[in-house]
Amino acid sequence: MKTLEISTASQPLSTYVEEFSNEMVILTLHGKAIAVVTSLNNVDPESLPLSLNPDFMEIIQKSREEFKAGKKLSLDDIKREFL
């Protein structure tokens, strides 16, 4: 992970993106992190906003816990409920 101080950046952002295309770059302003630039290679663009949504992530975590506890439906159960 790299850090780039915006106030001292001497090149266009696109140059840095190319240079750090396989790394996460933390953008800072006066030493405080303000943003991150990360590659979307091998990432579904629609998944990114969902992974940043705390409500959605809570639903996913709850579902994982229920699955581990054996609370799951078979395909036949789902078909009966929704068809």
PDB file of N, CA and C in Angstrom:
ATOM      1  N   MET A   1       0.862  -1.168   0.000  1.00  0.00           N
ATOM      2  CA  MET A   1       0.000   0.000   0.000  1.00  0.00           C
ATOM      3  C   MET A   1       0.909   1.231   0.000  1.00  0.00           C
ATOM      4  N   LYS A   2       0.571   2.173  -0.856  1.00  0.00           N
ATOM      5  CA  LYS A   2       1.334   3.415  -0.975  1.00  0.00           C
ATOM      6  C   LYS A   2       0.500   4.577  -0.460  1.00  0.00           C
ATOM      7  N   THR A   3       1.172   5.657  -0.126  1.00  0.00           N
ATOM      8  CA  THR A   3       0.504   6.886   0.303  1.00  0.00           C
ATOM      9  C   THR A   3       0.961   8.013  -0.606  1.00  0.00           C
ATOM     10  N   LEU A   4       0.025   8.849  -1.006  1.00  0.00           N
ATOM     11  CA  LEU A   4       0.336   9.986  -1.868  1.00  0.00           C
ATOM     12  C   LEU A   4      -0.254  11.245  -1.256  1.00  0.00           C
ATOM     13  N   GLU A   5       0.601  12.188  -0.929  1.00  0.00           N
ATOM     14  CA  GLU A   5       0.163  13.479  -0.387  1.00  0.00           C
ATOM     15  C   GLU A   5      -0.268  14.358  -1.564  1.00  0.00           C
ATOM     16  N   ILE A   6      -1.555  14.662  -1.620  1.00  0.00           N
ATOM     17  CA  ILE A   6      -2.123  15.418  -2.736  1.00  0.00           C
ATOM     18  C   ILE A   6      -1.460  16.784  -2.884  1.00  0.00           C
ATOM     19  N   SER A   7      -1.193  17.452  -1.783  1.00  0.00           N
ATOM     20  CA  SER A   7      -0.651  18.817  -1.856  1.00  0.00           C
ATOM     21  C   SER A   7       0.756  18.870  -2.437  1.00  0.00           C
ATOM     22  N   THR A   8       1.454  17.740  -2.455  1.00  0.00           N
ATOM     23  CA  THR A   8       2.810  17.735  -3.005  1.00  0.00           C
ATOM     24  C   THR A   8       2.917  16.898  -4.280  1.00  0.00           C
ATOM     25  N   ALA A   9       1.812  16.365  -4.764  1.00  0.00           N
ATOM     26  CA  ALA A   9       1.837  15.558  -5.983  1.00  0.00           C
ATOM     27  C   ALA A   9       2.268  16.432  -7.151  1.00  0.00           C
ATOM     28  N   SER A  10       3.225  15.948  -7.911  1.00  0.00           N
ATOM     29  CA  SER A  10       3.763  16.744  -9.007  1.00  0.00           C
ATOM     30  C   SER A  10       3.339  16.249 -10.385  1.00  0.00           C
ATOM     31  N   GLN A  11       2.595  15.145 -10.416  1.00  0.00           N
ATOM     32  CA  GLN A  11       2.150  14.568 -11.682  1.00  0.00           C
ATOM     33  C   GLN A  11       0.633  14.420 -11.682  1.00  0.00           C
ATOM     34  N   PRO A  12       0.044  14.297 -12.866  1.00  0.00           N
ATOM     35  CA  PRO A  12      -1.406  14.048 -12.920  1.00  0.00           C
ATOM     36  C   PRO A  12      -1.732  12.721 -12.229  1.00  0.00           C
ATOM     37  N   LEU A  13      -2.907  12.632 -11.656  1.00  0.00           N
ATOM     38  CA  LEU A  13      -3.332  11.427 -10.944  1.00  0.00           C
ATOM     39  C   LEU A  13      -3.244  10.193 -11.837  1.00  0.00           C
ATOM     40  N   SER A  14      -3.536  10.348 -13.127  1.00  0.00           N
ATOM     41  CA  SER A  14      -3.484   9.201 -14.041  1.00  0.00           C
ATOM     42  C   SER A  14      -2.091   8.579 -14.080  1.00  0.00           C
ATOM     43  N   THR A  15      -1.056   9.373 -13.928  1.00  0.00           N
ATOM     44  CA  THR A  15       0.309   8.851 -13.914  1.00  0.00           C
ATOM     45  C   THR A  15       0.523   7.954 -12.693  1.00  0.00           C
ATOM     46  N   TYR A  16       0.035   8.390 -11.555  1.00  0.00           N
ATOM     47  CA  TYR A  16       0.173   7.595 -10.338  1.00  0.00           C
ATOM     48  C   TYR A  16      -0.646   6.314 -10.415  1.00  0.00           C
ATOM     49  N   VAL A  17      -1.822   6.394 -11.008  1.00  0.00           N
ATOM     50  CA  VAL A  17      -2.678   5.215 -11.136  1.00  0.00           C
ATOM     51  C   VAL A  17      -1.958   4.152 -11.959  1.00  0.00           C
ATOM     52  N   GLU A  18      -1.329   4.564 -13.046  1.00  0.00           N
ATOM     53  CA  GLU A  18      -0.582   3.607 -13.861  1.00  0.00           C
ATOM     54  C   GLU A  18       0.587   3.025 -13.070  1.00  0.00           C
ATOM     55  N   GLU A  19       1.292   3.864 -12.322  1.00  0.00           N
ATOM     56  CA  GLU A  19       2.456   3.428 -11.550  1.00  0.00           C
ATOM     57  C   GLU A  19       2.077   2.437 -10.457  1.00  0.00           C
ATOM     58  N   PHE A  20       0.926   2.638  -9.819  1.00  0.00           N
ATOM     59  CA  PHE A  20       0.510   1.790  -8.711  1.00  0.00           C
ATOM     60  C   PHE A  20      -0.698   0.929  -9.077  1.00  0.00           C
ATOM     61  N   SER A  21      -0.779   0.475 -10.310  1.00  0.00           N
ATOM     62  CA  SER A  21      -1.977  -0.210 -10.794  1.00  0.00           C
ATOM     63  C   SER A  21      -2.307  -1.488 -10.023  1.00  0.00           C
ATOM     64  N   ASN A  22      -1.337  -2.083  -9.367  1.00  0.00           N
ATOM     65  CA  ASN A  22      -1.595  -3.317  -8.620  1.00  0.00           C
ATOM     66  C   ASN A  22      -1.584  -3.102  -7.114  1.00  0.00           C
ATOM     67  N   GLU A  23      -1.588  -1.853  -6.677  1.00  0.00           N
ATOM     68  CA  GLU A  23      -1.551  -1.553  -5.257  1.00  0.00           C
ATOM     69  C   GLU A  23      -2.666  -0.589  -4.889  1.00  0.00           C
ATOM     70  N   MET A  24      -2.964  -0.543  -3.619  1.00  0.00           N
ATOM     71  CA  MET A  24      -3.905   0.435  -3.103  1.00  0.00           C
ATOM     72  C   MET A  24      -3.113   1.697  -2.768  1.00  0.00           C
ATOM     73  N   VAL A  25      -3.633   2.850  -3.184  1.00  0.00           N
ATOM     74  CA  VAL A  25      -2.958   4.117  -2.917  1.00  0.00           C
ATOM     75  C   VAL A  25      -3.865   4.968  -2.029  1.00  0.00           C
ATOM     76  N   ILE A  26      -3.357   5.346  -0.859  1.00  0.00           N
ATOM     77  CA  ILE A  26      -4.087   6.213   0.059  1.00  0.00           C
ATOM     78  C   ILE A  26      -3.739   7.653  -0.294  1.00  0.00           C
ATOM     79  N   LEU A  27      -4.744   8.446  -0.607  1.00  0.00           N
ATOM     80  CA  LEU A  27      -4.526   9.859  -0.887  1.00  0.00           C
ATOM     81  C   LEU A  27      -4.688  10.629   0.410  1.00  0.00           C
ATOM     82  N   THR A  28      -3.717  11.492   0.694  1.00  0.00           N
ATOM     83  CA  THR A  28      -3.768  12.269   1.931  1.00  0.00           C
ATOM     84  C   THR A  28      -3.754  13.758   1.597  1.00  0.00           C
ATOM     85  N   LEU A  29      -4.267  14.538   2.508  1.00  0.00           N
ATOM     86  CA  LEU A  29      -4.233  15.993   2.413  1.00  0.00           C
ATOM     87  C   LEU A  29      -3.802  16.503   3.774  1.00  0.00           C
ATOM     88  N   HIS A  30      -2.642  17.135   3.795  1.00  0.00           N
ATOM     89  CA  HIS A  30      -2.042  17.615   5.040  1.00  0.00           C
ATOM     90  C   HIS A  30      -1.880  16.479   6.050  1.00  0.00           C
ATOM     91  N   GLY A  31      -1.493  15.302   5.526  1.00  0.00           N
ATOM     92  CA  GLY A  31      -1.220  14.161   6.386  1.00  0.00           C
ATOM     93  C   GLY A  31      -2.417  13.331   6.802  1.00  0.00           C
ATOM     94  N   LYS A  32      -3.620  13.738   6.418  1.00  0.00           N
ATOM     95  CA  LYS A  32      -4.828  12.992   6.789  1.00  0.00           C
ATOM     96  C   LYS A  32      -5.371  12.252   5.567  1.00  0.00           C
ATOM     97  N   ALA A  33      -5.676  10.978   5.741  1.00  0.00           N
ATOM     98  CA  ALA A  33      -6.236  10.179   4.649  1.00  0.00           C
ATOM     99  C   ALA A  33      -7.592  10.736   4.251  1.00  0.00           C
ATOM    100  N   ILE A  34      -7.771  10.946   2.942  1.00  0.00           N
ATOM    101  CA  ILE A  34      -9.049  11.482   2.459  1.00  0.00           C
ATOM    102  C   ILE A  34      -9.716  10.575   1.429  1.00  0.00           C
ATOM    103  N   ALA A  35      -8.931   9.703   0.796  1.00  0.00           N
ATOM    104  CA  ALA A  35      -9.500   8.829  -0.236  1.00  0.00           C
ATOM    105  C   ALA A  35      -8.529   7.690  -0.503  1.00  0.00           C
ATOM    106  N   VAL A  36      -9.020   6.711  -1.223  1.00  0.00           N
ATOM    107  CA  VAL A  36      -8.175   5.599  -1.637  1.00  0.00           C
ATOM    108  C   VAL A  36      -8.409   5.351  -3.126  1.00  0.00           C
ATOM    109  N   VAL A  37      -7.343   5.037  -3.819  1.00  0.00           N
ATOM    110  CA  VAL A  37      -7.422   4.639  -5.223  1.00  0.00           C
ATOM    111  C   VAL A  37      -6.988   3.186  -5.268  1.00  0.00           C
ATOM    112  N   THR A  38      -7.847   2.348  -5.832  1.00  0.00           N
ATOM    113  CA  THR A  38      -7.524   0.928  -5.906  1.00  0.00           C
ATOM    114  C   THR A  38      -7.917   0.388  -7.278  1.00  0.00           C
ATOM    115  N   SER A  39      -7.229  -0.637  -7.689  1.00  0.00           N
ATOM    116  CA  SER A  39      -7.502  -1.252  -8.978  1.00  0.00           C
ATOM    117  C   SER A  39      -8.829  -1.999  -8.938  1.00  0.00           C
ATOM    118  N   LEU A  40      -9.542  -1.929 -10.034  1.00  0.00           N
ATOM    119  CA  LEU A  40     -10.779  -2.700 -10.149  1.00  0.00           C
ATOM    120  C   LEU A  40     -10.585  -3.911 -11.063  1.00  0.00           C
ATOM    121  N   ASN A  41      -9.303  -4.259 -11.303  1.00  0.00           N
ATOM    122  CA  ASN A  41      -9.028  -5.475 -12.063  1.00  0.00           C
ATOM    123  C   ASN A  41      -9.627  -6.649 -11.310  1.00  0.00           C
ATOM    124  N   ASN A  42     -10.336  -7.504 -12.022  1.00  0.00           N
ATOM    125  CA  ASN A  42     -10.955  -8.700 -11.447  1.00  0.00           C
ATOM    126  C   ASN A  42     -12.008  -8.390 -10.385  1.00  0.00           C
ATOM    127  N   VAL A  43     -12.594  -7.194 -10.433  1.00  0.00           N
ATOM    128  CA  VAL A  43     -13.658  -6.824  -9.501  1.00  0.00           C
ATOM    129  C   VAL A  43     -14.903  -6.490 -10.305  1.00  0.00           C
ATOM    130  N   ASP A  44     -16.016  -7.056  -9.911  1.00  0.00           N
ATOM    131  CA  ASP A  44     -17.285  -6.719 -10.536  1.00  0.00           C
ATOM    132  C   ASP A  44     -17.670  -5.313 -10.076  1.00  0.00           C
ATOM    133  N   PRO A  45     -17.782  -4.345 -10.998  1.00  0.00           N
ATOM    134  CA  PRO A  45     -18.072  -2.963 -10.595  1.00  0.00           C
ATOM    135  C   PRO A  45     -19.343  -2.814  -9.758  1.00  0.00           C
ATOM    136  N   GLU A  46     -20.314  -3.699  -9.936  1.00  0.00           N
ATOM    137  CA  GLU A  46     -21.541  -3.613  -9.156  1.00  0.00           C
ATOM    138  C   GLU A  46     -21.350  -4.139  -7.732  1.00  0.00           C
ATOM    139  N   SER A  47     -20.357  -4.982  -7.517  1.00  0.00           N
ATOM    140  CA  SER A  47     -20.108  -5.537  -6.191  1.00  0.00           C
ATOM    141  C   SER A  47     -19.438  -4.543  -5.262  1.00  0.00           C
ATOM    142  N   LEU A  48     -18.661  -3.636  -5.811  1.00  0.00           N
ATOM    143  CA  LEU A  48     -17.915  -2.697  -4.971  1.00  0.00           C
ATOM    144  C   LEU A  48     -18.822  -1.845  -4.094  1.00  0.00           C
ATOM    145  N   PRO A  49     -19.845  -1.177  -4.631  1.00  0.00           N
ATOM    146  CA  PRO A  49     -20.706  -0.386  -3.743  1.00  0.00           C
ATOM    147  C   PRO A  49     -21.400  -1.229  -2.679  1.00  0.00           C
ATOM    148  N   LEU A  50     -21.774  -2.458  -3.036  1.00  0.00           N
ATOM    149  CA  LEU A  50     -22.413  -3.330  -2.050  1.00  0.00           C
ATOM    150  C   LEU A  50     -21.456  -3.680  -0.921  1.00  0.00           C
ATOM    151  N   SER A  51     -20.188  -3.924  -1.263  1.00  0.00           N
ATOM    152  CA  SER A  51     -19.228  -4.306  -0.233  1.00  0.00           C
ATOM    153  C   SER A  51     -18.904  -3.146   0.703  1.00  0.00           C
ATOM    154  N   LEU A  52     -19.244  -1.933   0.300  1.00  0.00           N
ATOM    155  CA  LEU A  52     -19.011  -0.758   1.140  1.00  0.00           C
ATOM    156  C   LEU A  52     -20.256  -0.333   1.911  1.00  0.00           C
ATOM    157  N   ASN A  53     -21.357  -1.044   1.702  1.00  0.00           N
ATOM    158  CA  ASN A  53     -22.617  -0.708   2.354  1.00  0.00           C
ATOM    159  C   ASN A  53     -22.752  -1.500   3.652  1.00  0.00           C
ATOM    160  N   PRO A  54     -22.711  -0.824   4.813  1.00  0.00           N
ATOM    161  CA  PRO A  54     -22.751  -1.554   6.086  1.00  0.00           C
ATOM    162  C   PRO A  54     -24.032  -2.365   6.286  1.00  0.00           C
ATOM    163  N   ASP A  55     -25.162  -1.884   5.788  1.00  0.00           N
ATOM    164  CA  ASP A  55     -26.415  -2.641   5.937  1.00  0.00           C
ATOM    165  C   ASP A  55     -26.353  -3.951   5.155  1.00  0.00           C
ATOM    166  N   PHE A  56     -25.837  -3.880   3.932  1.00  0.00           N
ATOM    167  CA  PHE A  56     -25.717  -5.084   3.111  1.00  0.00           C
ATOM    168  C   PHE A  56     -24.734  -6.064   3.744  1.00  0.00           C
ATOM    169  N   MET A  57     -23.610  -5.559   4.232  1.00  0.00           N
ATOM    170  CA  MET A  57     -22.613  -6.430   4.840  1.00  0.00           C
ATOM    171  C   MET A  57     -23.151  -7.087   6.107  1.00  0.00           C
ATOM    172  N   GLU A  58     -24.030  -6.395   6.826  1.00  0.00           N
ATOM    173  CA  GLU A  58     -24.665  -6.983   8.007  1.00  0.00           C
ATOM    174  C   GLU A  58     -25.568  -8.146   7.597  1.00  0.00           C
ATOM    175  N   ILE A  59     -26.306  -7.979   6.506  1.00  0.00           N
ATOM    176  CA  ILE A  59     -27.164  -9.049   5.990  1.00  0.00           C
ATOM    177  C   ILE A  59     -26.321 -10.260   5.604  1.00  0.00           C
ATOM    178  N   ILE A  60     -25.205 -10.018   4.929  1.00  0.00           N
ATOM    179  CA  ILE A  60     -24.324 -11.107   4.508  1.00  0.00           C
ATOM    180  C   ILE A  60     -23.766 -11.836   5.730  1.00  0.00           C
ATOM    181  N   GLN A  61     -23.304 -11.081   6.721  1.00  0.00           N
ATOM    182  CA  GLN A  61     -22.747 -11.696   7.928  1.00  0.00           C
ATOM    183  C   GLN A  61     -23.797 -12.539   8.663  1.00  0.00           C
ATOM    184  N   LYS A  62     -25.007 -12.009   8.769  1.00  0.00           N
ATOM    185  CA  LYS A  62     -26.084 -12.754   9.430  1.00  0.00           C
ATOM    186  C   LYS A  62     -26.382 -14.043   8.669  1.00  0.00           C
ATOM    187  N   SER A  63     -26.416 -13.954   7.347  1.00  0.00           N
ATOM    188  CA  SER A  63     -26.679 -15.134   6.525  1.00  0.00           C
ATOM    189  C   SER A  63     -25.590 -16.187   6.708  1.00  0.00           C
ATOM    190  N   ARG A  64     -24.330 -15.757   6.770  1.00  0.00           N
ATOM    191  CA  ARG A  64     -23.226 -16.694   6.976  1.00  0.00           C
ATOM    192  C   ARG A  64     -23.346 -17.390   8.327  1.00  0.00           C
ATOM    193  N   GLU A  65     -23.705 -16.628   9.350  1.00  0.00           N
ATOM    194  CA  GLU A  65     -23.860 -17.212  10.687  1.00  0.00           C
ATOM    195  C   GLU A  65     -25.002 -18.221  10.716  1.00  0.00           C
ATOM    196  N   GLU A  66     -26.118 -17.890  10.070  1.00  0.00           N
ATOM    197  CA  GLU A  66     -27.255 -18.805  10.025  1.00  0.00           C
ATOM    198  C   GLU A  66     -26.890 -20.082   9.269  1.00  0.00           C
ATOM    199  N   PHE A  67     -26.147 -19.936   8.191  1.00  0.00           N
ATOM    200  CA  PHE A  67     -25.735 -21.102   7.412  1.00  0.00           C
ATOM    201  C   PHE A  67     -24.851 -22.021   8.254  1.00  0.00           C
ATOM    202  N   LYS A  68     -23.887 -21.422   8.967  1.00  0.00           N
ATOM    203  CA  LYS A  68     -23.003 -22.216   9.830  1.00  0.00           C
ATOM    204  C   LYS A  68     -23.787 -22.923  10.936  1.00  0.00           C
ATOM    205  N   ALA A  69     -24.868 -22.292  11.398  1.00  0.00           N
ATOM    206  CA  ALA A  69     -25.687 -22.877  12.461  1.00  0.00           C
ATOM    207  C   ALA A  69     -26.672 -23.910  11.915  1.00  0.00           C
ATOM    208  N   GLY A  70     -26.624 -24.164  10.616  1.00  0.00           N
ATOM    209  CA  GLY A  70     -27.497 -25.169  10.027  1.00  0.00           C
ATOM    210  C   GLY A  70     -28.841 -24.653   9.584  1.00  0.00           C
ATOM    211  N   LYS A  71     -29.046 -23.354   9.674  1.00  0.00           N
ATOM    212  CA  LYS A  71     -30.314 -22.773   9.236  1.00  0.00           C
ATOM    213  C   LYS A  71     -30.229 -22.473   7.748  1.00  0.00           C
ATOM    214  N   LYS A  72     -30.672 -23.433   6.954  1.00  0.00           N
ATOM    215  CA  LYS A  72     -30.626 -23.260   5.506  1.00  0.00           C
ATOM    216  C   LYS A  72     -31.820 -23.952   4.866  1.00  0.00           C
ATOM    217  N   LEU A  73     -32.139 -23.517   3.660  1.00  0.00           N
ATOM    218  CA  LEU A  73     -33.257 -24.084   2.924  1.00  0.00           C
ATOM    219  C   LEU A  73     -32.729 -24.865   1.725  1.00  0.00           C
ATOM    220  N   SER A  74     -33.355 -25.971   1.437  1.00  0.00           N
ATOM    221  CA  SER A  74     -33.004 -26.725   0.232  1.00  0.00           C
ATOM    222  C   SER A  74     -33.639 -26.032  -0.975  1.00  0.00           C
ATOM    223  N   LEU A  75     -33.198 -26.413  -2.148  1.00  0.00           N
ATOM    224  CA  LEU A  75     -33.781 -25.859  -3.367  1.00  0.00           C
ATOM    225  C   LEU A  75     -35.274 -26.165  -3.427  1.00  0.00           C
ATOM    226  N   ASP A  76     -35.654 -27.360  -3.007  1.00  0.00           N
ATOM    227  CA  ASP A  76     -37.072 -27.717  -2.996  1.00  0.00           C
ATOM    228  C   ASP A  76     -37.868 -26.831  -2.041  1.00  0.00           C
ATOM    229  N   ASP A  77     -37.290 -26.529  -0.878  1.00  0.00           N
ATOM    230  CA  ASP A  77     -37.954 -25.634   0.081  1.00  0.00           C
ATOM    231  C   ASP A  77     -38.164 -24.249  -0.539  1.00  0.00           C
ATOM    232  N   ILE A  78     -37.154 -23.764  -1.202  1.00  0.00           N
ATOM    233  CA  ILE A  78     -37.246 -22.433  -1.829  1.00  0.00           C
ATOM    234  C   ILE A  78     -38.312 -22.427  -2.915  1.00  0.00           C
ATOM    235  N   LYS A  79     -38.325 -23.467  -3.734  1.00  0.00           N
ATOM    236  CA  LYS A  79     -39.318 -23.560  -4.805  1.00  0.00           C
ATOM    237  C   LYS A  79     -40.721 -23.582  -4.218  1.00  0.00           C
ATOM    238  N   ARG A  80     -40.926 -24.341  -3.160  1.00  0.00           N
ATOM    239  CA  ARG A  80     -42.249 -24.402  -2.519  1.00  0.00           C
ATOM    240  C   ARG A  80     -42.660 -23.027  -1.983  1.00  0.00           C
ATOM    241  N   GLU A  81     -41.716 -22.298  -1.449  1.00  0.00           N
ATOM    242  CA  GLU A  81     -42.043 -21.013  -0.853  1.00  0.00           C
ATOM    243  C   GLU A  81     -42.296 -19.927  -1.894  1.00  0.00           C
ATOM    244  N   PHE A  82     -41.573 -19.974  -3.003  1.00  0.00           N
ATOM    245  CA  PHE A  82     -41.650 -18.857  -3.946  1.00  0.00           C
ATOM    246  C   PHE A  82     -42.335 -19.190  -5.268  1.00  0.00           C
ATOM    247  N   LEU A  83     -42.631 -20.427  -5.513  1.00  0.00           N
ATOM    248  CA  LEU A  83     -43.294 -20.766  -6.791  1.00  0.00           C
ATOM    249  C   LEU A  83     -44.733 -21.136  -6.585  1.00  0.00           C
TER     250      LEU A  83
END
